[in-house]
Amino acid sequence: MMPIALTAPRFWLALGLMGPAAVALHWSLEWFRIDSCLDAGHVYDCAREACDAVAVTLPVIPFSQRHPLLIGASVAVGAIGLAGAIVATAGARRTKEA
């Protein structure tokens, strides 16, 4: 007999949303940090993840290239959550039919 939480689709959907929520939170915090740097008249150095008051221009490195582990983990957690929700829903339907 499995614990009730593991058979509830809501548990798995919540788990699946945690990965994308972590990426959204990290991206938002970084966006605010970059925006405040630019508002101060400086340039944001993506490679060092710091505000640079001396440089005139610096290359932009996309978020996905700077944080590939975060993106990969988010996709994995989302896929596990979705798969778990599908399996839990199928199991709940099978139990109701029996």
Protein backbone atom coordinates (compact mmCIF):
# COMPACT_ATOMS: atom_id res chain seq x y z
CA MET A 1 0.00 0.00 0.00
CA MET A 2 1.45 3.37 -1.06
CA PRO A 3 1.18 6.47 1.12
CA ILE A 4 -1.82 8.63 0.25
CA ALA A 5 0.31 11.64 -0.76
CA LEU A 6 2.07 9.66 -3.50
CA THR A 7 -1.23 8.56 -5.01
CA ALA A 8 -2.71 12.08 -5.12
CA PRO A 9 -2.36 13.83 -8.50
CA ARG A 10 -2.25 17.20 -6.69
CA PHE A 11 0.98 16.22 -4.97
CA TRP A 12 2.62 15.42 -8.30
CA LEU A 13 1.30 18.56 -9.98
CA ALA A 14 2.65 20.67 -7.11
CA LEU A 15 6.00 18.91 -7.43
CA GLY A 16 5.99 19.50 -11.18
CA LEU A 17 5.39 23.22 -10.70
CA MET A 18 8.23 23.66 -8.21
CA GLY A 19 10.94 23.46 -10.88
CA PRO A 20 9.48 26.13 -13.17
CA ALA A 21 8.65 28.26 -10.11
CA ALA A 22 12.31 28.11 -9.01
CA VAL A 23 13.46 29.22 -12.46
CA ALA A 24 10.90 32.04 -12.51
CA LEU A 25 11.99 33.24 -9.07
CA HIS A 26 15.69 33.14 -9.95
CA TRP A 27 15.08 34.89 -13.28
CA SER A 28 12.97 37.60 -11.61
CA LEU A 29 15.55 38.30 -8.92
CA GLU A 30 18.28 38.50 -11.55
CA TRP A 31 16.14 40.77 -13.74
CA PHE A 32 15.63 43.20 -10.84
CA ARG A 33 19.38 43.16 -10.12
CA ILE A 34 20.16 43.92 -13.80
CA ASP A 35 17.47 46.60 -13.99
CA SER A 36 18.74 48.42 -10.91
CA CYS A 37 22.26 48.34 -12.35
CA LEU A 38 21.09 49.83 -15.65
CA ASP A 39 18.96 52.43 -13.84
CA ALA A 40 22.11 53.57 -12.02
CA GLY A 41 23.73 54.19 -15.42
CA HIS A 42 26.11 51.25 -15.26
CA VAL A 43 26.58 48.11 -17.38
CA TYR A 44 25.73 44.63 -16.15
CA ASP A 45 28.47 42.05 -16.63
CA CYS A 46 26.67 38.74 -17.29
CA ALA A 47 29.86 36.69 -17.07
CA ARG A 48 30.65 37.90 -13.53
CA GLU A 49 26.99 38.50 -12.61
CA ALA A 50 27.91 41.92 -11.25
CA CYS A 51 27.32 45.57 -12.04
CA ASP A 52 30.26 47.25 -13.80
CA ALA A 53 30.61 51.01 -13.48
CA VAL A 54 33.70 51.26 -15.72
CA ALA A 55 32.84 49.29 -18.88
CA VAL A 56 30.93 50.89 -21.73
CA THR A 57 29.54 47.72 -23.35
CA LEU A 58 29.72 44.04 -22.48
CA PRO A 59 28.40 40.95 -24.29
CA VAL A 60 25.03 39.62 -23.21
CA ILE A 61 25.00 35.97 -22.18
CA PRO A 62 21.51 34.39 -22.24
CA PHE A 63 20.02 33.15 -18.96
CA SER A 64 19.92 29.57 -20.26
CA GLN A 65 23.68 29.61 -20.96
CA ARG A 66 24.50 31.08 -17.55
CA HIS A 67 22.31 28.63 -15.61
CA PRO A 68 22.09 25.36 -17.58
CA LEU A 69 21.93 23.19 -14.44
CA LEU A 70 18.97 25.15 -13.07
CA ILE A 71 17.11 24.87 -16.38
CA GLY A 72 17.88 21.15 -16.71
CA ALA A 73 16.82 20.39 -13.14
CA SER A 74 13.61 22.37 -13.65
CA VAL A 75 12.74 20.38 -16.76
CA ALA A 76 13.49 17.10 -14.97
CA VAL A 77 11.38 18.00 -11.93
CA GLY A 78 8.55 19.18 -14.18
CA ALA A 79 8.63 15.96 -16.20
CA ILE A 80 8.68 13.80 -13.07
CA GLY A 81 5.76 15.76 -11.64
CA LEU A 82 3.74 15.46 -14.84
CA ALA A 83 4.46 11.74 -15.17
CA GLY A 84 3.59 11.18 -11.52
CA ALA A 85 0.29 13.05 -11.93
CA ILE A 86 -0.62 10.95 -14.97
CA VAL A 87 0.21 7.70 -13.19
CA ALA A 88 -1.63 8.78 -10.02
CA THR A 89 -4.71 9.80 -12.03
CA ALA A 90 -4.72 6.50 -13.92
CA GLY A 91 -4.34 4.61 -10.64
CA ALA A 92 -7.20 6.56 -9.03
CA ARG A 93 -9.47 5.79 -11.99
CA ARG A 94 -8.52 2.13 -11.90
CA THR A 95 -9.32 1.99 -8.17
CA LYS A 96 -12.74 3.64 -8.67
CA GLU A 97 -13.66 1.18 -11.43
CA ALA A 98 -12.80 -1.85 -9.31
